């Protein structure tokens, strides 16, 4: 429903246009009964993103925050800046709307609004928004469905839940699937993954696999000559053979991941051998590890600060490198503080192997041509937008008590390095959410082990990943390697729920970073920021910062349950 009027702008020569939309918000009253709250949203242009509530206390703070999150998400999904409009929200028939269960409805509405589409007030939705647009469970769904049906609503979209069989209730996995239920159109077309796969990327990870394979082989040969065998050594041999099998199938990223594990176990065996045969050699090895980690940290930050091409691909690589070196430093500290020999050996080896992966991600920067570079003058604009998304997301989850004491993002004064740190903070946020069972297991998705859910999540993630790569014109390493790894992982005998949880967390990147430039807020410059001879401006409503460190979460899922308590047993490369 939409009512259009024209308002004379005070102190302006041009008229201000406005449109009013009705939303049928589903709620539960104090007696536990379902009810519909009529919410009218008047949208005015030109605007500055101002949100006004009438009366001023009609929305609680968490409900107002859910509307703000919906605006930010919809901007990133559509490529249209929500701040070109002003929003006046009028609530009728209730003293105050509380909670965050209307986030899904607000988001679907905002997507339709920014795409200049009609919005059907006889359709509604209920659900919180989890990592990356995954729809989370809310209370009172049976009562909401009953009142919706008795009031003549045609459809209610919401999370998967048990014992709801009414045909008007349509369970959805993601925000964009809810949008498709409303609009009966798709946000993202299906694309051909094979046409986008980059041979150069495959070739690069072949080199990474060979590097770990050769280093591990040298260690194995040395220990063989010394007639030394322990559990680390045996694991290293088995993993080395397994990595070879994946390399023969040209799944080089998976082969690299497994070869990393082989290297970790092999070096652990070498440390164990030196400790028992030559304490002096053991101390020298540990000193070399510390020096390697320190040198790698300095190299990463130096290269980031000297970088002259800023695009999603480069950011993806540097964020991966930065995350890996921080994990390396964390393992080094854990080893120094431990009195348990095996734990120390494992963490020292893990620290060295992680430092090697950091270098692999940094070196990958050299494997690609510098193209589609973002103007350096716009870095602060991008940084402000990404920090807005981060701060809004943090506030949203804190309002639901799912984030506690989230650390501040470091400020270095270098815009690009600060941008990389900000993106890395997204991974830290999603990791916090991962460890919160109340959010993930009880509310975001109660049907974790259902095969069709896993398949649906994977297919939607694959579709959107391919789509944004095609729009960007660049192959993001984390996307390709993620798809390759998931294809392999689907044949493995692994627990389903950690894998699904990581798929959901990865949607944080797939859905939230769809747009890096929003054309309506670019001042004194073109609406595109890439060379139009390389990518037509018509193909850039979606400029993507996608996945980055997100893929690391997926492969960590294969050992996440034990990785904190028993990190030395089964590290993963990424």
Protein backbone atom coordinates (compact mmCIF):
# COMPACT_ATOMS: atom_id res chain seq x y z
CA UNK A 1 0.00 0.00 0.00
CA UNK A 2 1.40 3.39 -0.97
CA UNK A 3 -0.07 6.90 -0.67
CA UNK A 4 1.89 9.60 -2.53
CA UNK A 5 1.81 13.30 -1.74
CA UNK A 6 3.96 16.39 -2.34
CA UNK A 7 5.11 18.56 0.57
CA UNK A 8 6.52 22.04 0.17
CA UNK A 9 10.03 22.11 1.56
CA UNK A 10 10.46 24.73 4.27
CA UNK A 11 13.08 27.21 3.18
CA UNK A 12 13.56 25.38 -0.12
CA UNK A 13 12.59 26.19 -3.65
CA UNK A 14 11.87 22.59 -4.67
CA UNK A 15 9.00 20.45 -3.50
CA UNK A 16 9.61 17.48 -1.27
CA UNK A 17 7.94 14.31 -2.46
CA UNK A 18 6.67 11.73 -0.02
CA UNK A 19 5.03 8.31 -0.06
CA UNK A 20 3.30 6.50 2.79
CA UNK A 21 3.34 2.73 3.21
CA UNK A 22 1.38 0.52 5.55
CA UNK A 23 3.03 -2.42 7.32
CA UNK A 24 1.05 -5.09 9.15
CA UNK A 25 3.34 -5.76 12.06
CA UNK A 26 2.69 -9.00 13.98
CA UNK A 27 2.94 -8.78 17.76
CA UNK A 28 2.02 -10.52 21.00
CA UNK A 29 0.07 -8.58 23.64
CA UNK A 30 0.49 -8.76 27.39
CA UNK A 31 -2.03 -11.61 27.57
CA UNK A 32 -0.04 -13.71 25.11
CA UNK A 33 -2.49 -13.20 22.25
CA UNK A 34 -1.49 -12.38 18.70
CA UNK A 35 -2.39 -9.01 17.27
CA UNK A 36 -1.67 -6.85 14.25
CA UNK A 37 -0.19 -3.41 14.72
CA UNK A 38 -0.70 -0.96 11.87
CA UNK A 39 2.55 0.87 11.19
CA UNK A 40 2.63 3.68 8.63
CA UNK A 41 5.99 4.75 7.21
CA UNK A 42 6.14 8.02 5.31
CA UNK A 43 9.22 8.24 3.12
CA UNK A 44 10.34 11.68 1.93
CA UNK A 45 12.86 12.70 -0.69
CA UNK A 46 15.27 14.42 -0.78
CA UNK A 47 16.36 13.34 2.68
CA UNK A 48 19.31 12.60 4.92
CA UNK A 49 18.38 9.25 6.45
CA UNK A 50 16.56 10.79 9.42
CA UNK A 51 14.13 8.46 11.22
CA UNK A 52 11.27 10.08 13.18
CA UNK A 53 8.87 8.08 15.37
CA UNK A 54 5.33 9.35 16.09
CA UNK A 55 4.66 9.38 18.98
CA UNK A 56 8.31 9.55 19.98
CA UNK A 57 8.07 6.60 22.38
CA UNK A 58 6.10 4.33 20.01
CA UNK A 59 9.23 2.26 19.31
CA UNK A 60 11.45 0.89 22.05
CA UNK A 61 15.17 1.37 21.53
CA UNK A 62 15.70 -2.19 20.32
CA UNK A 63 12.83 -1.90 17.81
CA UNK A 64 14.26 1.37 16.51
CA UNK A 65 17.64 -0.31 16.21
CA UNK A 66 16.08 -3.17 14.23
CA UNK A 67 14.68 -0.62 11.77
CA UNK A 68 18.11 0.98 11.40
CA UNK A 69 19.70 -2.42 10.77
CA UNK A 70 17.04 -3.09 8.13
CA UNK A 71 17.95 0.16 6.37
CA UNK A 72 21.67 -0.63 6.38
CA UNK A 73 21.11 -4.20 5.15
CA UNK A 74 18.76 -3.12 2.40
CA UNK A 75 21.25 -0.54 1.19
CA UNK A 76 23.91 -3.20 0.94
CA UNK A 77 21.57 -5.60 -0.82
CA UNK A 78 20.27 -3.14 -3.37
CA UNK A 79 23.11 -0.69 -3.91
CA UNK A 80 20.82 2.23 -3.05
CA UNK A 81 21.71 4.52 -0.17
CA UNK A 82 18.94 4.67 2.43
CA UNK A 83 20.20 8.10 3.46
CA UNK A 84 18.78 9.75 0.38
CA UNK A 85 15.39 9.46 2.12
CA UNK A 86 13.83 10.49 5.42
CA UNK A 87 11.49 8.18 7.33
CA UNK A 88 8.56 9.10 9.57
CA UNK A 89 7.03 6.13 11.36
CA UNK A 90 3.56 6.33 12.88
CA UNK A 91 2.28 3.54 15.12
CA UNK A 92 -1.44 3.12 15.71
CA UNK A 93 -3.42 1.06 18.19
CA UNK A 94 -0.65 0.29 20.66
CA UNK A 95 1.33 2.26 23.23
CA UNK A 96 4.73 0.92 22.25
CA UNK A 97 6.26 -1.70 19.95
CA UNK A 98 9.01 -3.62 21.72
CA UNK A 99 11.57 -6.21 20.70
CA UNK A 100 13.37 -7.09 17.49
CA UNK A 101 10.99 -9.59 15.90
CA UNK A 102 9.94 -7.05 13.25
CA UNK A 103 13.47 -6.86 11.80
CA UNK A 104 12.61 -9.26 8.99
CA UNK A 105 9.49 -7.30 8.00
CA UNK A 106 11.38 -4.01 8.13
CA UNK A 107 14.16 -5.41 5.94
CA UNK A 108 11.82 -6.82 3.29
CA UNK A 109 10.01 -3.48 3.21
CA UNK A 110 13.25 -1.50 2.91
CA UNK A 111 14.50 -3.70 0.04
CA UNK A 112 11.24 -3.16 -1.85
CA UNK A 113 11.36 0.56 -1.13
CA UNK A 114 14.91 1.07 -2.38
CA UNK A 115 14.16 -1.00 -5.48
CA UNK A 116 11.16 1.28 -6.21
CA UNK A 117 8.71 -1.61 -5.96
CA UNK A 118 5.24 -1.78 -4.49
CA UNK A 119 4.75 -3.26 -1.03
CA UNK A 120 1.78 -5.46 -0.17
CA UNK A 121 0.44 -4.66 3.31
CA UNK A 122 -1.51 -7.94 3.28
CA UNK A 123 1.79 -9.78 3.61
CA UNK A 124 3.84 -9.78 6.79
CA UNK A 125 6.94 -11.31 8.32
CA UNK A 126 8.40 -12.03 11.73
CA UNK A 127 11.94 -12.95 12.70
CA UNK A 128 15.22 -11.60 13.97
CA UNK A 129 18.19 -11.25 11.65
CA UNK A 130 21.17 -13.43 12.42
CA UNK A 131 24.65 -13.32 10.91
CA UNK A 132 24.50 -12.17 7.32
CA UNK A 133 20.74 -12.11 6.92
CA UNK A 134 19.88 -15.54 8.30
CA UNK A 135 16.35 -15.49 9.73
CA UNK A 136 16.19 -16.29 13.43
CA UNK A 137 13.38 -17.63 15.56
CA UNK A 138 11.05 -15.43 17.60
CA UNK A 139 8.31 -16.20 20.09
CA UNK A 140 4.59 -16.46 19.56
CA UNK A 141 4.62 -17.58 15.93
CA UNK A 142 1.46 -19.75 16.23
CA UNK A 143 -0.47 -16.84 17.73
CA UNK A 144 0.85 -14.46 15.08
CA UNK A 145 -0.17 -16.81 12.28
CA UNK A 146 -3.65 -17.22 13.76
CA UNK A 147 -4.29 -13.47 13.98
CA UNK A 148 -2.82 -12.94 10.52
CA UNK A 149 -5.19 -15.49 9.02
CA UNK A 150 -8.25 -14.17 10.85
CA UNK A 151 -7.38 -10.63 9.74
CA UNK A 152 -7.21 -11.56 6.07
CA UNK A 153 -3.43 -11.49 5.52
CA UNK A 154 -2.28 -13.54 2.56
CA UNK A 155 1.18 -14.56 3.72
CA UNK A 156 3.47 -14.59 6.75
CA UNK A 157 7.20 -15.23 6.25
CA UNK A 158 9.27 -16.36 9.19
CA UNK A 159 11.87 -18.81 10.46
CA UNK A 160 11.57 -22.57 10.25
CA UNK A 161 9.65 -23.78 13.28
CA UNK A 162 7.79 -26.90 14.33
CA UNK A 163 4.03 -27.43 14.33
CA UNK A 164 3.13 -24.62 11.93
CA UNK A 165 1.25 -26.17 9.05
CA UNK A 166 -1.00 -23.33 7.95
CA UNK A 167 -0.52 -22.57 4.26
CA UNK A 168 -0.17 -18.83 4.80
CA UNK A 169 3.02 -19.39 6.83
CA UNK A 170 6.11 -19.58 4.63
CA UNK A 171 9.36 -20.53 6.43
CA UNK A 172 12.47 -18.89 4.99
CA UNK A 173 16.20 -19.27 5.56
CA UNK A 174 17.39 -15.82 4.59
CA UNK A 175 16.30 -12.23 4.21
CA UNK A 176 16.39 -12.33 0.43
CA UNK A 177 14.25 -15.47 0.36
CA UNK A 178 11.68 -13.61 2.44
CA UNK A 179 11.84 -10.77 -0.06
CA UNK A 180 11.17 -13.24 -2.88
CA UNK A 181 8.04 -14.46 -1.06
CA UNK A 182 6.76 -10.89 -0.99
CA UNK A 183 7.75 -9.70 -4.45
CA UNK A 184 7.68 -13.02 -6.35
CA UNK A 185 10.92 -11.92 -8.02
CA UNK A 186 14.53 -12.91 -7.34
CA UNK A 187 17.23 -10.55 -6.14
CA UNK A 188 19.99 -12.64 -7.63
CA UNK A 189 20.01 -14.69 -10.84
CA UNK A 190 21.62 -18.10 -11.08
CA UNK A 191 25.02 -17.97 -12.73
CA UNK A 192 27.44 -20.53 -14.06
CA UNK A 193 30.19 -21.20 -11.55
CA UNK A 194 32.41 -22.91 -14.09
CA UNK A 195 32.54 -19.79 -16.26
CA UNK A 196 33.96 -17.78 -13.38
CA UNK A 197 36.53 -20.18 -12.00
CA UNK A 198 39.95 -18.60 -12.39
CA UNK A 199 42.76 -20.85 -13.70
CA UNK A 200 45.34 -18.48 -12.22
CA UNK A 201 43.81 -18.95 -8.79
CA UNK A 202 44.01 -22.72 -9.09
CA UNK A 203 47.61 -22.42 -10.24
CA UNK A 204 48.49 -20.21 -7.28
CA UNK A 205 47.18 -22.67 -4.70
CA UNK A 206 49.04 -25.45 -6.47
CA UNK A 207 52.20 -23.55 -5.57
CA UNK A 208 51.03 -23.17 -1.97
CA UNK A 209 50.34 -26.89 -1.75
CA UNK A 210 53.75 -27.69 -3.20
CA UNK A 211 55.41 -25.38 -0.67
CA UNK A 212 53.85 -27.14 2.33
CA UNK A 213 54.30 -30.54 0.73
CA UNK A 214 58.03 -30.02 0.12
CA UNK A 215 58.70 -28.59 3.58
CA UNK A 216 56.89 -31.47 5.21
CA UNK A 217 58.67 -34.03 3.04
CA UNK A 218 62.04 -32.66 4.17
CA UNK A 219 61.02 -33.00 7.81
CA UNK A 220 59.71 -36.54 7.24
CA UNK A 221 62.93 -37.56 5.53
CA UNK A 222 65.03 -36.14 8.37
CA UNK A 223 63.01 -37.93 11.04
CA UNK A 224 63.10 -41.16 9.05
CA UNK A 225 66.90 -41.07 9.03
CA UNK A 226 66.85 -40.46 12.77
CA UNK A 227 64.57 -43.48 13.30
CA UNK A 228 62.13 -41.23 15.18
CA UNK A 229 58.42 -42.07 15.32
CA UNK A 230 55.64 -40.51 17.38
CA UNK A 231 51.94 -39.79 16.88
CA UNK A 232 52.76 -36.43 15.29
CA UNK A 233 54.96 -38.16 12.74
CA UNK A 234 52.32 -40.75 11.84
CA UNK A 235 49.63 -38.09 11.45
CA UNK A 236 51.93 -36.08 9.22
CA UNK A 237 52.50 -39.00 6.87
CA UNK A 238 48.78 -39.79 6.59
CA UNK A 239 47.85 -36.15 5.92
CA UNK A 240 50.62 -35.74 3.38
CA UNK A 241 49.28 -38.69 1.38
CA UNK A 242 45.73 -37.36 1.65
CA UNK A 243 46.79 -33.93 0.35
CA UNK A 244 48.35 -35.65 -2.67
CA UNK A 245 45.05 -37.29 -3.54
CA UNK A 246 43.26 -33.92 -3.58
CA UNK A 247 46.05 -32.38 -5.62
CA UNK A 248 45.70 -35.14 -8.19
CA UNK A 249 42.04 -34.07 -8.56
CA UNK A 250 43.24 -30.45 -8.95
CA UNK A 251 41.48 -29.39 -5.75
CA UNK A 252 44.52 -27.42 -4.77
CA UNK A 253 43.02 -25.32 -2.03
CA UNK A 254 41.81 -28.38 -0.15
CA UNK A 255 45.16 -30.03 -0.84
CA UNK A 256 46.87 -26.94 0.62
CA UNK A 257 44.69 -27.05 3.72
CA UNK A 258 45.54 -30.69 4.37
CA UNK A 259 49.24 -30.16 3.56
CA UNK A 260 49.23 -27.37 6.15
CA UNK A 261 48.03 -29.90 8.72
CA UNK A 262 50.74 -32.31 7.58
CA UNK A 263 53.35 -29.57 8.04
CA UNK A 264 52.02 -28.72 11.49
CA UNK A 265 52.19 -32.36 12.63
CA UNK A 266 55.57 -32.87 10.99
CA UNK A 267 57.12 -29.84 12.65
CA UNK A 268 55.58 -30.87 15.98
CA UNK A 269 57.32 -34.22 15.63
CA UNK A 270 60.59 -32.42 14.82
CA UNK A 271 60.25 -30.25 17.94
CA UNK A 272 59.43 -33.28 20.03
CA UNK A 273 62.52 -35.06 18.69
CA UNK A 274 64.83 -32.11 19.33
CA UNK A 275 63.48 -31.65 22.87
CA UNK A 276 64.34 -35.25 23.75
CA UNK A 277 67.68 -35.43 21.93
CA UNK A 278 69.08 -31.88 21.92
CA UNK A 279 67.49 -29.24 24.17
CA UNK A 280 69.80 -26.66 22.60
CA UNK A 281 68.33 -27.36 19.14
CA UNK A 282 64.83 -27.15 20.62
CA UNK A 283 65.55 -23.69 22.05
CA UNK A 284 67.03 -22.56 18.74
CA UNK A 285 63.92 -23.75 16.88
CA UNK A 286 61.64 -21.85 19.25
CA UNK A 287 63.75 -18.72 18.83
CA UNK A 288 63.49 -19.08 15.05
CA UNK A 289 59.70 -19.38 15.32
CA UNK A 290 59.48 -16.15 17.33
CA UNK A 291 61.64 -14.32 14.79
CA UNK A 292 59.58 -15.67 11.89
CA UNK A 293 56.31 -14.55 13.47
CA UNK A 294 57.66 -11.07 14.24
CA UNK A 295 59.07 -10.64 10.74
CA UNK A 296 55.81 -11.77 9.17
CA UNK A 297 53.74 -9.29 11.22
CA UNK A 298 56.00 -6.43 10.16
CA UNK A 299 55.88 -7.51 6.52
CA UNK A 300 52.09 -7.72 6.43
CA UNK A 301 51.46 -4.29 7.92
CA UNK A 302 54.18 -2.72 5.78
CA UNK A 303 52.71 -4.15 2.58
CA UNK A 304 49.20 -3.04 3.55
CA UNK A 305 50.35 0.52 4.20
CA UNK A 306 52.29 0.63 0.93
CA UNK A 307 49.44 -0.84 -1.14
CA UNK A 308 48.26 1.40 -3.97
CA UNK A 309 45.36 -0.66 -5.35
CA UNK A 310 42.29 -0.90 -3.17
CA UNK A 311 39.69 -3.41 -4.24
CA UNK A 312 37.74 -6.28 -2.65
CA UNK A 313 40.21 -8.89 -3.85
CA UNK A 314 43.17 -7.15 -2.24
CA UNK A 315 41.25 -6.58 0.99
CA UNK A 316 40.24 -10.24 1.05
CA UNK A 317 43.87 -11.32 0.85
CA UNK A 318 45.18 -8.88 3.45
CA UNK A 319 42.43 -9.62 5.96
CA UNK A 320 43.19 -13.32 5.66
CA UNK A 321 46.89 -12.61 6.17
CA UNK A 322 46.26 -10.38 9.15
CA UNK A 323 43.92 -12.87 10.80
CA UNK A 324 46.38 -15.71 10.33
CA UNK A 325 49.30 -13.82 11.87
CA UNK A 326 47.17 -12.88 14.88
CA UNK A 327 46.32 -16.54 15.36
CA UNK A 328 50.04 -17.28 15.07
CA UNK A 329 50.84 -14.75 17.80
CA UNK A 330 48.07 -16.13 20.01
CA UNK A 331 49.44 -19.66 19.69
CA UNK A 332 52.95 -18.42 20.46
CA UNK A 333 51.74 -16.78 23.68
CA UNK A 334 49.84 -19.92 24.64
CA UNK A 335 52.98 -22.02 24.12
CA UNK A 336 55.15 -19.69 26.21
CA UNK A 337 52.66 -19.72 29.09
CA UNK A 338 52.08 -23.49 29.17
CA UNK A 339 53.95 -26.00 31.31
CA UNK A 340 52.62 -29.01 29.39
CA UNK A 341 55.24 -30.19 26.89
CA UNK A 342 52.91 -31.59 24.22
CA UNK A 343 50.69 -28.51 24.39
CA UNK A 344 53.74 -26.24 24.05
CA UNK A 345 55.11 -28.21 21.11
CA UNK A 346 51.76 -28.17 19.35
CA UNK A 347 51.26 -24.45 19.78
CA UNK A 348 54.80 -23.57 18.71
CA UNK A 349 54.29 -25.60 15.55
CA UNK A 350 50.84 -24.13 15.02
CA UNK A 351 52.30 -20.64 15.37
CA UNK A 352 54.93 -21.32 12.71
CA UNK A 353 52.46 -22.95 10.32
CA UNK A 354 50.03 -20.05 10.74
CA UNK A 355 52.82 -17.58 9.98
CA UNK A 356 53.51 -19.50 6.77
CA UNK A 357 49.84 -19.24 5.77
CA UNK A 358 49.96 -15.50 6.44
CA UNK A 359 52.79 -15.21 3.95
CA UNK A 360 50.86 -17.32 1.46
CA UNK A 361 47.94 -14.89 1.55
CA UNK A 362 50.24 -11.87 1.26
CA UNK A 363 52.10 -13.41 -1.65
CA UNK A 364 48.80 -14.13 -3.38
CA UNK A 365 48.46 -10.35 -3.81
CA UNK A 366 51.26 -10.57 -6.38
CA UNK A 367 49.40 -13.22 -8.40
CA UNK A 368 46.83 -10.74 -9.72
CA UNK A 369 46.98 -7.71 -11.91
CA UNK A 370 46.27 -4.39 -10.27
CA UNK A 371 42.91 -3.49 -11.82
CA UNK A 372 39.53 -2.16 -10.79
CA UNK A 373 41.23 -0.03 -8.17
CA UNK A 374 39.14 2.13 -5.89
CA UNK A 375 40.10 5.80 -5.78
CA UNK A 376 42.33 6.40 -2.76
CA UNK A 377 40.47 9.63 -2.05
CA UNK A 378 37.35 7.57 -1.30
CA UNK A 379 38.89 5.28 1.32
CA UNK A 380 37.61 7.35 4.23
CA UNK A 381 34.11 7.26 2.74
CA UNK A 382 34.23 3.47 2.52
CA UNK A 383 35.67 3.21 5.99
CA UNK A 384 32.82 5.28 7.42
CA UNK A 385 30.20 3.09 5.71
CA UNK A 386 31.71 -0.17 6.85
CA UNK A 387 32.08 1.11 10.41
CA UNK A 388 28.43 2.15 10.33
CA UNK A 389 27.46 -1.40 9.43
CA UNK A 390 29.74 -2.82 12.10
CA UNK A 391 28.52 -0.50 14.85
CA UNK A 392 24.87 -1.07 13.90
CA UNK A 393 25.33 -4.83 13.90
CA UNK A 394 27.12 -4.77 17.25
CA UNK A 395 24.40 -2.62 18.80
CA UNK A 396 21.70 -4.92 17.41
CA UNK A 397 23.26 -8.06 18.89
CA UNK A 398 24.12 -6.32 22.16
CA UNK A 399 20.48 -5.27 22.47
CA UNK A 400 19.59 -8.96 22.41
CA UNK A 401 22.47 -9.74 24.83
CA UNK A 402 24.37 -11.81 22.28
CA UNK A 403 27.58 -9.78 22.28
CA UNK A 404 29.53 -8.93 25.42
CA UNK A 405 32.49 -6.61 25.62
CA UNK A 406 33.26 -6.48 21.91
CA UNK A 407 36.77 -5.01 21.58
CA UNK A 408 37.23 -1.66 19.82
CA UNK A 409 38.72 -1.65 16.33
CA UNK A 410 42.35 -0.44 16.30
CA UNK A 411 42.98 2.96 14.78
CA UNK A 412 46.29 3.38 12.96
CA UNK A 413 45.68 6.55 10.95
CA UNK A 414 46.24 4.70 7.68
CA UNK A 415 42.85 4.50 5.97
CA UNK A 416 43.48 1.24 4.15
CA UNK A 417 44.99 -0.52 7.16
CA UNK A 418 42.08 0.72 9.28
CA UNK A 419 39.68 -0.61 6.65
CA UNK A 420 41.33 -4.03 6.81
CA UNK A 421 41.16 -4.01 10.61
CA UNK A 422 37.47 -3.09 10.46
CA UNK A 423 36.67 -6.00 8.19
CA UNK A 424 38.63 -8.31 10.45
CA UNK A 425 36.46 -7.10 13.32
CA UNK A 426 33.45 -8.54 11.49
CA UNK A 427 34.98 -11.98 11.75
CA UNK A 428 35.63 -11.48 15.45
CA UNK A 429 32.01 -10.46 15.92
CA UNK A 430 30.70 -13.51 14.10
CA UNK A 431 33.02 -15.75 16.09
CA UNK A 432 31.53 -14.34 19.30
CA UNK A 433 28.08 -15.06 17.92
CA UNK A 434 29.18 -18.56 16.98
CA UNK A 435 30.13 -19.31 20.56
CA UNK A 436 26.75 -18.10 21.83
CA UNK A 437 24.55 -21.21 21.80
CA UNK A 438 21.45 -19.23 22.72
CA UNK A 439 21.66 -17.29 19.48
CA UNK A 440 22.92 -19.90 17.05
CA UNK A 441 21.42 -23.15 18.28
CA UNK A 442 18.17 -21.97 19.83
CA UNK A 443 17.14 -18.92 17.87
CA UNK A 444 18.93 -18.54 14.55
CA UNK A 445 18.30 -22.03 13.39
CA UNK A 446 16.53 -24.78 15.34
CA UNK A 447 16.67 -27.39 12.56
CA UNK A 448 20.41 -27.61 12.08
CA UNK A 449 20.73 -31.21 10.96
CA UNK A 450 18.04 -31.30 8.30
CA UNK A 451 19.73 -32.21 4.96
CA UNK A 452 17.49 -29.97 2.88
CA UNK A 453 18.42 -26.99 5.07
CA UNK A 454 22.10 -27.60 4.52
CA UNK A 455 21.58 -27.92 0.79
CA UNK A 456 19.47 -24.78 0.64
CA UNK A 457 22.04 -22.75 2.55
CA UNK A 458 24.87 -23.98 0.38
CA UNK A 459 23.01 -23.33 -2.87
CA UNK A 460 21.94 -19.83 -1.86
CA UNK A 461 25.46 -19.00 -0.75
CA UNK A 462 26.96 -20.37 -3.95
CA UNK A 463 24.47 -18.47 -6.11
CA UNK A 464 25.05 -15.11 -4.48
CA UNK A 465 28.81 -15.61 -4.36
CA UNK A 466 28.95 -16.27 -8.08
CA UNK A 467 26.64 -13.37 -8.78
CA UNK A 468 28.68 -10.79 -6.91
CA UNK A 469 31.91 -12.05 -8.46
CA UNK A 470 30.44 -11.56 -11.91
CA UNK A 471 29.26 -8.06 -11.04
CA UNK A 472 32.62 -7.16 -9.60
CA UNK A 473 34.62 -8.61 -12.45
CA UNK A 474 37.16 -10.09 -10.05
CA UNK A 475 37.56 -13.56 -8.61
CA UNK A 476 37.71 -13.34 -4.82
CA UNK A 477 39.97 -16.13 -3.52
CA UNK A 478 37.86 -16.86 -0.46
CA UNK A 479 34.79 -17.47 -2.63
CA UNK A 480 36.35 -19.93 -5.03
CA UNK A 481 38.24 -21.81 -2.36
CA UNK A 482 35.16 -21.88 -0.14
CA UNK A 483 33.06 -23.44 -2.90
CA UNK A 484 35.78 -25.96 -3.64
CA UNK A 485 36.18 -26.89 -0.01
CA UNK A 486 32.46 -27.22 0.65
CA UNK A 487 32.13 -29.45 -2.38
CA UNK A 488 34.81 -31.68 -0.89
CA UNK A 489 33.45 -31.41 2.64
CA UNK A 490 30.02 -32.56 1.50
CA UNK A 491 31.53 -35.98 0.84
CA UNK A 492 33.22 -36.16 4.23
CA UNK A 493 31.75 -37.76 7.32
CA UNK A 494 31.53 -34.59 9.37
CA UNK A 495 29.05 -33.24 11.86
CA UNK A 496 26.35 -31.32 10.10
CA UNK A 497 25.54 -28.59 12.60
CA UNK A 498 29.00 -26.92 12.80
CA UNK A 499 29.17 -26.83 9.01
CA UNK A 500 25.72 -25.27 8.76
CA UNK A 501 26.57 -22.76 11.46
CA UNK A 502 29.64 -21.70 9.53
CA UNK A 503 27.60 -21.43 6.35
CA UNK A 504 25.31 -19.05 8.19
CA UNK A 505 28.21 -17.00 9.49
CA UNK A 506 29.69 -16.81 6.02
CA UNK A 507 26.45 -15.17 4.89
CA UNK A 508 27.60 -12.23 7.00
CA UNK A 509 30.01 -11.53 4.19
CA UNK A 510 27.87 -12.71 1.30
CA UNK A 511 24.87 -10.55 2.18
CA UNK A 512 26.33 -7.72 4.21
CA UNK A 513 29.14 -6.66 1.89
CA UNK A 514 27.27 -6.72 -1.38
CA UNK A 515 27.82 -3.04 -1.90
CA UNK A 516 30.85 -0.98 -1.19
CA UNK A 517 29.82 2.11 -3.09
CA UNK A 518 26.39 3.64 -2.71
CA UNK A 519 25.94 6.07 -5.60
CA UNK A 520 23.73 8.62 -3.91
CA UNK A 521 26.31 9.55 -1.29
CA UNK A 522 29.31 9.99 -3.56
CA UNK A 523 29.96 13.72 -3.56
CA UNK A 524 32.05 15.59 -6.13
CA UNK A 525 32.72 12.48 -8.13
CA UNK A 526 31.17 9.91 -10.46
CA UNK A 527 28.66 7.34 -9.28
CA UNK A 528 31.10 4.58 -10.15
CA UNK A 529 34.59 4.22 -8.73
CA UNK A 530 36.10 1.78 -11.18
CA UNK A 531 37.53 2.34 -14.61
CA UNK A 532 34.41 2.24 -16.81
CA UNK A 533 36.46 0.76 -19.66
CA UNK A 534 37.03 -2.31 -17.50
CA UNK A 535 33.56 -2.68 -15.99
CA UNK A 536 30.53 -0.87 -17.28
CA UNK A 537 28.99 1.38 -14.65
CA UNK A 538 25.68 -0.37 -15.27
CA UNK A 539 27.25 -3.51 -13.80
CA UNK A 540 28.23 -1.89 -10.55
CA UNK A 541 25.16 -1.65 -8.34
CA UNK A 542 26.97 -4.37 -6.41
CA UNK A 543 30.58 -3.70 -5.48
CA UNK A 544 31.55 -6.50 -3.24
CA UNK A 545 33.68 -7.05 -0.24
CA UNK A 546 32.80 -10.73 0.11
CA UNK A 547 33.87 -13.58 2.34
CA UNK A 548 37.33 -12.26 3.22
CA UNK A 549 38.06 -14.22 6.35
CA UNK A 550 34.65 -15.87 6.19
CA UNK A 551 35.97 -18.98 4.54
CA UNK A 552 38.33 -19.55 7.43
CA UNK A 553 35.25 -19.98 9.60
CA UNK A 554 33.92 -22.72 7.37
CA UNK A 555 36.99 -24.90 7.41
CA UNK A 556 37.48 -24.20 11.10
CA UNK A 557 34.02 -25.69 11.57
CA UNK A 558 35.41 -29.14 10.84
CA UNK A 559 37.31 -28.96 14.12
CA UNK A 560 35.75 -26.03 15.94
CA UNK A 561 34.34 -28.11 18.75
CA UNK A 562 37.75 -29.27 19.87
CA UNK A 563 40.01 -26.56 18.51
CA UNK A 564 40.12 -24.47 21.68
CA UNK A 565 40.70 -27.33 24.09
CA UNK A 566 42.81 -29.47 21.77
CA UNK A 567 44.19 -27.10 19.14
CA UNK A 568 47.33 -29.19 18.74
CA UNK A 569 45.35 -32.19 17.50
CA UNK A 570 43.75 -30.93 14.30
CA UNK A 571 44.56 -27.46 13.02
CA UNK A 572 43.33 -26.30 9.65
CA UNK A 573 45.20 -24.23 7.16
CA UNK A 574 43.20 -21.47 5.45
